Full PDB file with SEQRES, HELIX, SHEET, SSBOND, CRYST1, ORIGX, SCALE, CONECT and MASTER records, all heavy atoms in Angstrom:
SEQRES   1 A   30  LEU ILE GLY LEU GLY VAL ALA GLY TYR PHE THR ALA ARG          
SEQRES   2 A   30  LEU GLN GLY VAL THR GLY SER VAL ALA LEU GLY GLY LEU          
SEQRES   3 A   30  ALA GLY LEU ALA                                              
HELIX    1 AA1 ILE A    2  THR A   11  1                                  10    
HELIX    2 AA2 GLY A   16  LEU A   29  1                                  14    
CRYST1    1.000    1.000    1.000  90.00  90.00  90.00 P 1           1          
ORIGX1      1.000000  0.000000  0.000000        0.00000                         
ORIGX2      0.000000  1.000000  0.000000        0.00000                         
ORIGX3      0.000000  0.000000  1.000000        0.00000                         
SCALE1      1.000000  0.000000  0.000000        0.00000                         
SCALE2      0.000000  1.000000  0.000000        0.00000                         
SCALE3      0.000000  0.000000  1.000000        0.00000                         
ATOM      1  N   LEU A   1       0.789  -1.223  -0.079  1.00  0.00           N  
ATOM      2  CA  LEU A   1       0.009  -0.015  -0.004  1.00  0.00           C  
ATOM      3  C   LEU A   1       0.874   1.220  -0.002  1.00  0.00           C  
ATOM      4  O   LEU A   1       0.608   2.236  -0.724  1.00  0.00           O  
ATOM      5  CB  LEU A   1      -0.942  -0.032   1.196  1.00  0.00           C  
ATOM      6  CG  LEU A   1      -1.775   1.193   1.391  1.00  0.00           C  
ATOM      7  CD1 LEU A   1      -2.799   1.401   0.131  1.00  0.00           C  
ATOM      8  CD2 LEU A   1      -2.613   1.119   2.752  1.00  0.00           C  
ATOM      9  N   ILE A   2       1.920   1.360   0.801  1.00  0.00           N  
ATOM     10  CA  ILE A   2       2.837   2.451   0.937  1.00  0.00           C  
ATOM     11  C   ILE A   2       3.546   2.548  -0.461  1.00  0.00           C  
ATOM     12  O   ILE A   2       3.678   3.702  -1.180  1.00  0.00           O  
ATOM     13  CB  ILE A   2       3.774   2.204   1.999  1.00  0.00           C  
ATOM     14  CG1 ILE A   2       3.208   2.209   3.358  1.00  0.00           C  
ATOM     15  CG2 ILE A   2       4.896   3.259   1.950  1.00  0.00           C  
ATOM     16  CD1 ILE A   2       4.072   1.846   4.490  1.00  0.00           C  
ATOM     17  N   GLY A   3       3.938   1.497  -1.106  1.00  0.00           N  
ATOM     18  CA  GLY A   3       4.590   1.592  -2.289  1.00  0.00           C  
ATOM     19  C   GLY A   3       3.708   2.129  -3.450  1.00  0.00           C  
ATOM     20  O   GLY A   3       4.140   2.799  -4.318  1.00  0.00           O  
ATOM     21  N   LEU A   4       2.452   1.742  -3.407  1.00  0.00           N  
ATOM     22  CA  LEU A   4       1.454   2.297  -4.421  1.00  0.00           C  
ATOM     23  C   LEU A   4       1.244   3.696  -4.327  1.00  0.00           C  
ATOM     24  O   LEU A   4       1.156   4.397  -5.240  1.00  0.00           O  
ATOM     25  CB  LEU A   4       0.153   1.605  -4.234  1.00  0.00           C  
ATOM     26  CG  LEU A   4      -0.141   0.253  -4.861  1.00  0.00           C  
ATOM     27  CD1 LEU A   4      -1.451  -0.332  -4.456  1.00  0.00           C  
ATOM     28  CD2 LEU A   4       0.024   0.365  -6.382  1.00  0.00           C  
ATOM     29  N   GLY A   5       1.303   4.251  -2.990  1.00  0.00           N  
ATOM     30  CA  GLY A   5       1.164   5.611  -2.832  1.00  0.00           C  
ATOM     31  C   GLY A   5       2.351   6.388  -3.433  1.00  0.00           C  
ATOM     32  O   GLY A   5       2.071   7.387  -4.053  1.00  0.00           O  
ATOM     33  N   VAL A   6       3.532   5.888  -3.224  1.00  0.00           N  
ATOM     34  CA  VAL A   6       4.780   6.478  -3.806  1.00  0.00           C  
ATOM     35  C   VAL A   6       4.653   6.453  -5.293  1.00  0.00           C  
ATOM     36  O   VAL A   6       4.993   7.491  -6.021  1.00  0.00           O  
ATOM     37  CB  VAL A   6       5.975   5.863  -3.321  1.00  0.00           C  
ATOM     38  CG1 VAL A   6       7.292   6.417  -4.008  1.00  0.00           C  
ATOM     39  CG2 VAL A   6       6.129   6.082  -1.762  1.00  0.00           C  
ATOM     40  N   ALA A   7       4.322   5.297  -5.851  1.00  0.00           N  
ATOM     41  CA  ALA A   7       4.298   5.181  -7.334  1.00  0.00           C  
ATOM     42  C   ALA A   7       3.266   6.095  -7.931  1.00  0.00           C  
ATOM     43  O   ALA A   7       3.374   6.696  -8.988  1.00  0.00           O  
ATOM     44  CB  ALA A   7       3.995   3.796  -7.689  1.00  0.00           C  
ATOM     45  N   GLY A   8       1.961   6.237  -7.228  1.00  0.00           N  
ATOM     46  CA  GLY A   8       1.004   7.036  -7.745  1.00  0.00           C  
ATOM     47  C   GLY A   8       1.342   8.514  -7.783  1.00  0.00           C  
ATOM     48  O   GLY A   8       1.024   9.204  -8.721  1.00  0.00           O  
ATOM     49  N   TYR A   9       2.163   8.985  -6.783  1.00  0.00           N  
ATOM     50  CA  TYR A   9       2.599  10.289  -6.773  1.00  0.00           C  
ATOM     51  C   TYR A   9       3.380  10.765  -7.986  1.00  0.00           C  
ATOM     52  O   TYR A   9       3.136  11.701  -8.607  1.00  0.00           O  
ATOM     53  CB  TYR A   9       3.516  10.548  -5.561  1.00  0.00           C  
ATOM     54  CG  TYR A   9       4.103  11.922  -5.482  1.00  0.00           C  
ATOM     55  CD1 TYR A   9       3.451  12.977  -4.889  1.00  0.00           C  
ATOM     56  CD2 TYR A   9       5.453  12.118  -5.802  1.00  0.00           C  
ATOM     57  CE1 TYR A   9       4.015  14.256  -4.735  1.00  0.00           C  
ATOM     58  CE2 TYR A   9       6.001  13.391  -5.763  1.00  0.00           C  
ATOM     59  CZ  TYR A   9       5.214  14.492  -5.254  1.00  0.00           C  
ATOM     60  OH  TYR A   9       5.920  15.641  -5.215  1.00  0.00           O  
ATOM     61  N   PHE A  10       4.259   9.850  -8.480  1.00  0.00           N  
ATOM     62  CA  PHE A  10       5.154  10.098  -9.669  1.00  0.00           C  
ATOM     63  C   PHE A  10       4.379   9.802 -10.990  1.00  0.00           C  
ATOM     64  O   PHE A  10       4.535  10.542 -11.980  1.00  0.00           O  
ATOM     65  CB  PHE A  10       6.339   9.335  -9.536  1.00  0.00           C  
ATOM     66  CG  PHE A  10       7.307   9.707  -8.493  1.00  0.00           C  
ATOM     67  CD1 PHE A  10       7.479   9.069  -7.361  1.00  0.00           C  
ATOM     68  CD2 PHE A  10       8.098  10.943  -8.734  1.00  0.00           C  
ATOM     69  CE1 PHE A  10       8.242   9.345  -6.324  1.00  0.00           C  
ATOM     70  CE2 PHE A  10       8.961  11.214  -7.646  1.00  0.00           C  
ATOM     71  CZ  PHE A  10       9.022  10.530  -6.536  1.00  0.00           C  
ATOM     72  N   THR A  11       3.554   8.725 -11.034  1.00  0.00           N  
ATOM     73  CA  THR A  11       2.844   8.310 -12.190  1.00  0.00           C  
ATOM     74  C   THR A  11       1.757   9.365 -12.634  1.00  0.00           C  
ATOM     75  O   THR A  11       1.439   9.461 -13.822  1.00  0.00           O  
ATOM     76  CB  THR A  11       2.258   6.933 -12.019  1.00  0.00           C  
ATOM     77  OG1 THR A  11       3.198   6.054 -11.550  1.00  0.00           O  
ATOM     78  CG2 THR A  11       1.654   6.398 -13.322  1.00  0.00           C  
ATOM     79  N   ALA A  12       1.249  10.124 -11.583  1.00  0.00           N  
ATOM     80  CA  ALA A  12       0.192  11.116 -11.931  1.00  0.00           C  
ATOM     81  C   ALA A  12       0.642  12.180 -12.940  1.00  0.00           C  
ATOM     82  O   ALA A  12      -0.074  12.902 -13.542  1.00  0.00           O  
ATOM     83  CB  ALA A  12      -0.331  11.736 -10.660  1.00  0.00           C  
ATOM     84  N   ARG A  13       1.972  12.311 -13.116  1.00  0.00           N  
ATOM     85  CA  ARG A  13       2.516  13.367 -14.056  1.00  0.00           C  
ATOM     86  C   ARG A  13       2.457  12.903 -15.452  1.00  0.00           C  
ATOM     87  O   ARG A  13       2.629  13.811 -16.293  1.00  0.00           O  
ATOM     88  CB  ARG A  13       4.027  13.553 -13.593  1.00  0.00           C  
ATOM     89  CG  ARG A  13       4.221  14.053 -12.170  1.00  0.00           C  
ATOM     90  CD  ARG A  13       5.718  14.232 -11.766  1.00  0.00           C  
ATOM     91  NE  ARG A  13       5.802  14.499 -10.446  1.00  0.00           N  
ATOM     92  CZ  ARG A  13       7.014  14.593  -9.813  1.00  0.00           C  
ATOM     93  NH1 ARG A  13       8.156  14.449 -10.587  1.00  0.00           N  
ATOM     94  NH2 ARG A  13       7.125  14.907  -8.569  1.00  0.00           N  
ATOM     95  N   LEU A  14       2.216  11.635 -15.767  1.00  0.00           N  
ATOM     96  CA  LEU A  14       2.111  11.326 -17.097  1.00  0.00           C  
ATOM     97  C   LEU A  14       0.746  11.564 -17.742  1.00  0.00           C  
ATOM     98  O   LEU A  14      -0.231  11.708 -17.066  1.00  0.00           O  
ATOM     99  CB  LEU A  14       2.284   9.573 -17.099  1.00  0.00           C  
ATOM    100  CG  LEU A  14       3.537   9.099 -16.591  1.00  0.00           C  
ATOM    101  CD1 LEU A  14       3.410   7.528 -16.702  1.00  0.00           C  
ATOM    102  CD2 LEU A  14       4.686   9.577 -17.489  1.00  0.00           C  
ATOM    103  N   GLN A  15       0.833  11.809 -19.038  1.00  0.00           N  
ATOM    104  CA  GLN A  15      -0.308  12.329 -19.833  1.00  0.00           C  
ATOM    105  C   GLN A  15      -0.715  11.386 -20.895  1.00  0.00           C  
ATOM    106  O   GLN A  15       0.086  10.450 -21.213  1.00  0.00           O  
ATOM    107  CB  GLN A  15      -0.010  13.691 -20.425  1.00  0.00           C  
ATOM    108  CG  GLN A  15       0.228  14.757 -19.275  1.00  0.00           C  
ATOM    109  CD  GLN A  15      -0.800  14.934 -18.231  1.00  0.00           C  
ATOM    110  OE1 GLN A  15      -1.953  15.123 -18.575  1.00  0.00           O  
ATOM    111  NE2 GLN A  15      -0.460  14.912 -17.070  1.00  0.00           N  
ATOM    112  N   GLY A  16      -1.887  11.517 -21.520  1.00  0.00           N  
ATOM    113  CA  GLY A  16      -2.305  10.801 -22.786  1.00  0.00           C  
ATOM    114  C   GLY A  16      -2.530   9.432 -22.371  1.00  0.00           C  
ATOM    115  O   GLY A  16      -2.768   8.954 -21.158  1.00  0.00           O  
ATOM    116  N   VAL A  17      -2.589   8.502 -23.346  1.00  0.00           N  
ATOM    117  CA  VAL A  17      -2.899   7.094 -23.258  1.00  0.00           C  
ATOM    118  C   VAL A  17      -1.972   6.502 -22.374  1.00  0.00           C  
ATOM    119  O   VAL A  17      -2.229   5.474 -21.485  1.00  0.00           O  
ATOM    120  CB  VAL A  17      -2.971   6.350 -24.549  1.00  0.00           C  
ATOM    121  CG1 VAL A  17      -3.156   4.894 -24.426  1.00  0.00           C  
ATOM    122  CG2 VAL A  17      -4.202   6.961 -25.484  1.00  0.00           C  
ATOM    123  N   THR A  18      -0.722   6.851 -22.387  1.00  0.00           N  
ATOM    124  CA  THR A  18       0.429   6.363 -21.484  1.00  0.00           C  
ATOM    125  C   THR A  18       0.040   6.523 -20.005  1.00  0.00           C  
ATOM    126  O   THR A  18       0.155   5.682 -19.196  1.00  0.00           O  
ATOM    127  CB  THR A  18       1.757   7.016 -21.789  1.00  0.00           C  
ATOM    128  OG1 THR A  18       2.103   6.743 -23.136  1.00  0.00           O  
ATOM    129  CG2 THR A  18       2.873   6.514 -20.765  1.00  0.00           C  
ATOM    130  N   GLY A  19      -0.543   7.767 -19.711  1.00  0.00           N  
ATOM    131  CA  GLY A  19      -0.942   7.986 -18.392  1.00  0.00           C  
ATOM    132  C   GLY A  19      -2.091   7.146 -18.039  1.00  0.00           C  
ATOM    133  O   GLY A  19      -2.205   6.644 -16.870  1.00  0.00           O  
ATOM    134  N   SER A  20      -3.060   7.016 -18.911  1.00  0.00           N  
ATOM    135  CA  SER A  20      -4.206   6.152 -18.688  1.00  0.00           C  
ATOM    136  C   SER A  20      -3.797   4.695 -18.324  1.00  0.00           C  
ATOM    137  O   SER A  20      -4.349   4.174 -17.450  1.00  0.00           O  
ATOM    138  CB  SER A  20      -5.118   6.076 -19.938  1.00  0.00           C  
ATOM    139  OG  SER A  20      -5.791   7.333 -20.076  1.00  0.00           O  
ATOM    140  N   VAL A  21      -2.935   4.211 -19.127  1.00  0.00           N  
ATOM    141  CA  VAL A  21      -2.429   2.859 -18.975  1.00  0.00           C  
ATOM    142  C   VAL A  21      -1.656   2.740 -17.546  1.00  0.00           C  
ATOM    143  O   VAL A  21      -1.944   1.781 -16.831  1.00  0.00           O  
ATOM    144  CB  VAL A  21      -1.545   2.361 -19.983  1.00  0.00           C  
ATOM    145  CG1 VAL A  21      -0.794   1.015 -19.727  1.00  0.00           C  
ATOM    146  CG2 VAL A  21      -2.292   2.297 -21.390  1.00  0.00           C  
ATOM    147  N   ALA A  22      -0.757   3.553 -17.313  1.00  0.00           N  
ATOM    148  CA  ALA A  22       0.115   3.446 -16.152  1.00  0.00           C  
ATOM    149  C   ALA A  22      -0.764   3.743 -14.890  1.00  0.00           C  
ATOM    150  O   ALA A  22      -0.694   2.933 -13.800  1.00  0.00           O  
ATOM    151  CB  ALA A  22       1.225   4.522 -16.111  1.00  0.00           C  
ATOM    152  N   LEU A  23      -1.488   4.744 -14.813  1.00  0.00           N  
ATOM    153  CA  LEU A  23      -2.467   4.900 -13.596  1.00  0.00           C  
ATOM    154  C   LEU A  23      -3.499   3.831 -13.485  1.00  0.00           C  
ATOM    155  O   LEU A  23      -3.877   3.392 -12.422  1.00  0.00           O  
ATOM    156  CB  LEU A  23      -3.138   6.343 -13.742  1.00  0.00           C  
ATOM    157  CG  LEU A  23      -2.151   7.513 -13.565  1.00  0.00           C  
ATOM    158  CD1 LEU A  23      -2.734   8.765 -14.116  1.00  0.00           C  
ATOM    159  CD2 LEU A  23      -1.817   7.670 -12.090  1.00  0.00           C  
ATOM    160  N   GLY A  24      -4.037   3.357 -14.609  1.00  0.00           N  
ATOM    161  CA  GLY A  24      -5.098   2.200 -14.565  1.00  0.00           C  
ATOM    162  C   GLY A  24      -4.397   1.041 -14.004  1.00  0.00           C  
ATOM    163  O   GLY A  24      -5.004   0.293 -13.226  1.00  0.00           O  
ATOM    164  N   GLY A  25      -3.173   0.728 -14.419  1.00  0.00           N  
ATOM    165  CA  GLY A  25      -2.477  -0.327 -13.882  1.00  0.00           C  
ATOM    166  C   GLY A  25      -2.336  -0.283 -12.291  1.00  0.00           C  
ATOM    167  O   GLY A  25      -2.425  -1.385 -11.549  1.00  0.00           O  
ATOM    168  N   LEU A  26      -1.828   0.817 -11.773  1.00  0.00           N  
ATOM    169  CA  LEU A  26      -1.751   1.027 -10.386  1.00  0.00           C  
ATOM    170  C   LEU A  26      -3.129   0.879  -9.679  1.00  0.00           C  
ATOM    171  O   LEU A  26      -3.215   0.386  -8.630  1.00  0.00           O  
ATOM    172  CB  LEU A  26      -1.173   2.367 -10.114  1.00  0.00           C  
ATOM    173  CG  LEU A  26       0.279   2.570 -10.427  1.00  0.00           C  
ATOM    174  CD1 LEU A  26       0.751   4.061 -10.122  1.00  0.00           C  
ATOM    175  CD2 LEU A  26       1.186   1.638  -9.820  1.00  0.00           C  
ATOM    176  N   ALA A  27      -4.163   1.354 -10.322  1.00  0.00           N  
ATOM    177  CA  ALA A  27      -5.485   1.234  -9.791  1.00  0.00           C  
ATOM    178  C   ALA A  27      -5.914  -0.185  -9.646  1.00  0.00           C  
ATOM    179  O   ALA A  27      -6.464  -0.625  -8.629  1.00  0.00           O  
ATOM    180  CB  ALA A  27      -6.526   2.008 -10.705  1.00  0.00           C  
ATOM    181  N   GLY A  28      -5.560  -1.022 -10.704  1.00  0.00           N  
ATOM    182  CA  GLY A  28      -5.860  -2.475 -10.744  1.00  0.00           C  
ATOM    183  C   GLY A  28      -5.022  -3.132  -9.671  1.00  0.00           C  
ATOM    184  O   GLY A  28      -5.565  -4.034  -8.967  1.00  0.00           O  
ATOM    185  N   LEU A  29      -3.763  -2.789  -9.428  1.00  0.00           N  
ATOM    186  CA  LEU A  29      -3.058  -3.336  -8.230  1.00  0.00           C  
ATOM    187  C   LEU A  29      -3.804  -3.204  -6.905  1.00  0.00           C  
ATOM    188  O   LEU A  29      -3.813  -4.009  -6.022  1.00  0.00           O  
ATOM    189  CB  LEU A  29      -1.712  -2.885  -8.258  1.00  0.00           C  
ATOM    190  CG  LEU A  29      -0.791  -3.285  -9.388  1.00  0.00           C  
ATOM    191  CD1 LEU A  29       0.607  -2.601  -9.257  1.00  0.00           C  
ATOM    192  CD2 LEU A  29      -0.601  -4.852  -9.409  1.00  0.00           C  
ATOM    193  N   ALA A  30      -4.250  -1.799  -6.748  1.00  0.00           N  
ATOM    194  CA  ALA A  30      -4.898  -1.483  -5.579  1.00  0.00           C  
ATOM    195  C   ALA A  30      -6.266  -2.248  -5.384  1.00  0.00           C  
ATOM    196  O   ALA A  30      -6.493  -2.859  -4.238  1.00  0.00           O  
ATOM    197  CB  ALA A  30      -5.211   0.039  -5.534  1.00  0.00           C  
TER     198      ALA A  30                                                      
MASTER        0    0    0    2    0    0    0    6  197    1    0    3          
END                                                                             
């Protein structure tokens, strides 16, 4: 859970479909 919070902080800077995929993947892990 702590690791997801750290990853989400940095991944939120991504835009476009790349951001959708990366953030969606983290959401799936959660």
